[in-house]
Protein backbone atom coordinates (compact mmCIF):
# COMPACT_ATOMS: atom_id res chain seq x y z
CA UNK A 1 88.64 117.33 111.83
CA UNK A 2 89.99 116.07 114.97
CA UNK A 3 93.14 113.51 115.79
CA UNK A 4 90.68 110.37 115.77
CA UNK A 5 89.03 111.26 112.54
CA UNK A 6 92.88 112.41 110.80
CA UNK A 7 94.38 108.60 112.82
CA UNK A 8 90.81 106.21 111.01
CA UNK A 9 91.36 107.95 108.25
CA UNK A 10 94.57 107.19 107.35
CA UNK A 11 94.75 103.81 108.90
CA UNK A 12 97.27 105.08 111.90
CA UNK A 13 97.16 105.45 115.68
CA UNK A 14 97.05 109.17 116.80
CA UNK A 15 100.50 108.77 118.57
CA UNK A 16 102.26 108.71 115.52
CA UNK A 17 100.51 111.10 114.80
CA UNK A 18 101.42 113.48 117.50
CA UNK A 19 105.53 111.95 116.72
CA UNK A 20 104.73 113.21 112.71
CA UNK A 21 104.08 116.53 114.13
CA UNK A 22 106.69 116.66 116.52
CA UNK A 23 108.92 115.64 114.31
CA UNK A 24 107.02 118.75 112.05
CA UNK A 25 106.10 116.91 109.62
CA UNK A 26 102.44 117.46 110.29
CA UNK A 27 101.16 121.19 111.57
CA UNK A 28 98.01 121.28 113.13
CA UNK A 29 95.93 124.48 112.96
CA UNK A 30 94.63 124.37 117.32
CA UNK A 31 91.09 125.62 118.70
CA UNK A 32 89.65 127.45 121.55
CA UNK A 33 90.10 124.17 124.17
CA UNK A 34 93.51 123.36 122.37
CA UNK A 35 92.00 120.16 120.30
CA UNK A 36 94.86 119.34 116.87
CA UNK A 37 92.10 120.29 114.39
CA UNK A 38 93.85 118.31 111.09
CA UNK A 39 91.97 120.11 107.47
CA UNK A 40 91.62 117.84 104.25
CA UNK A 41 94.86 117.81 102.85
CA UNK A 42 96.68 116.11 106.09
CA UNK A 43 94.64 112.75 105.19
CA UNK A 44 97.16 112.77 101.59
CA UNK A 45 99.94 113.92 103.77
CA UNK A 46 99.86 111.57 106.37
CA UNK A 47 99.49 108.62 104.17
CA UNK A 48 102.63 110.64 101.27
CA UNK A 49 104.70 109.90 104.85
CA UNK A 50 104.09 106.77 105.40
CA UNK A 51 104.68 105.93 102.61
CA UNK A 52 108.47 107.01 102.12
CA UNK A 53 108.93 105.78 105.61
CA UNK A 54 107.95 102.68 104.45
CA UNK A 55 110.53 103.43 101.25
CA UNK A 56 113.20 103.51 104.49
CA UNK A 57 113.73 107.34 104.21
CA UNK A 58 114.37 108.84 107.58
CA UNK A 59 112.20 111.85 108.58
CA UNK A 60 114.41 113.94 108.87
CA UNK A 61 114.73 113.74 105.08
CA UNK A 62 111.28 113.75 104.97
CA UNK A 63 110.78 116.22 106.56
CA UNK A 64 113.40 118.21 103.20
CA UNK A 65 111.76 117.01 100.93
CA UNK A 66 107.77 117.03 101.83
CA UNK A 67 106.93 120.87 99.60
CA UNK A 68 108.15 119.86 96.33
CA UNK A 69 106.08 116.66 97.09
CA UNK A 70 103.09 119.16 96.49
CA UNK A 71 101.68 119.94 93.71
CA UNK A 72 102.82 122.56 91.93
CA UNK A 73 106.38 121.18 92.22
CA UNK A 74 108.53 124.19 91.69
CA UNK A 75 110.04 124.54 95.36
CA UNK A 76 113.29 123.71 94.41
CA UNK A 77 116.09 123.49 97.21
CA UNK A 78 118.99 125.63 96.84
CA UNK A 79 121.19 124.32 100.34
CA UNK A 80 120.78 120.99 99.30
CA UNK A 81 123.67 119.80 101.11
CA UNK A 82 126.09 116.69 99.14
CA UNK A 83 124.47 114.29 101.86
CA UNK A 84 120.92 114.75 101.00
CA UNK A 85 121.72 114.41 97.13
CA UNK A 86 123.02 111.12 97.75
CA UNK A 87 120.74 109.63 100.08
CA UNK A 88 117.70 110.54 98.03
CA UNK A 89 120.12 109.07 95.13
CA UNK A 90 120.40 105.70 97.19
CA UNK A 91 116.83 105.52 98.49
CA UNK A 92 115.06 106.21 94.70
CA UNK A 93 117.83 103.23 94.26
CA UNK A 94 116.41 101.72 96.64
CA UNK A 95 113.10 101.87 95.85
CA UNK A 96 113.28 101.01 92.17
CA UNK A 97 115.33 97.45 93.11
CA UNK A 98 111.89 96.79 95.48
CA UNK A 99 109.27 97.87 93.13
CA UNK A 100 110.77 95.58 90.62
CA UNK A 101 110.46 92.89 93.63
CA UNK A 102 107.08 93.37 94.41
CA UNK A 103 106.17 93.34 90.72
CA UNK A 104 107.99 89.83 90.01
CA UNK A 105 105.60 88.55 93.39
CA UNK A 106 102.38 90.06 92.19
CA UNK A 107 103.28 88.82 88.69
CA UNK A 108 104.25 85.56 90.61
CA UNK A 109 100.89 85.96 92.70
CA UNK A 110 98.33 86.35 89.58
CA UNK A 111 99.46 83.70 87.35
CA UNK A 112 98.80 81.38 90.80
CA UNK A 113 95.57 82.47 90.92
CA UNK A 114 94.83 82.07 86.70
CA UNK A 115 96.25 78.34 87.34
CA UNK A 116 93.72 78.19 90.13
CA UNK A 117 90.91 79.32 88.96
CA UNK A 118 90.96 77.50 85.47
CA UNK A 119 91.03 74.70 87.97
CA UNK A 120 88.26 75.22 89.84
C-alpha cells in the first residue's frame, strides 16, 4: 500500500510515517517508480510505535525493542546497556501508573453515566 493509504488506516499523517522511516522504525520497499510500498503488517507496527511514543519511550529505545515485540518473542539483546534496561524499567513503571490513572478515570465516567442514565 502507498503512504497515503497507510496514513489513513493508521490514523496519522504521511509526514510522521516518513519520520518513522528516517528513524528506522518502519522500512517500506520501493516500487520501480520510487514510491514507498508498505505491507499490511506496517499498519499494526505504526499503531504500536504510536502507543510506545504516547507512553513516553524515545524513538531510540523503541527502535531497539521493536523486534522483541513481534511474535514469537524470542529475540533477546545480549548487548542491552544498563541505561536501556533502566529506561525500560522506569518507563514500565510510568506506564503502570498511567494505566491505573486511566482506569480510575474510566470507572468514574462509567459511574457518572450509570447515574445519569438512571435519572433519564
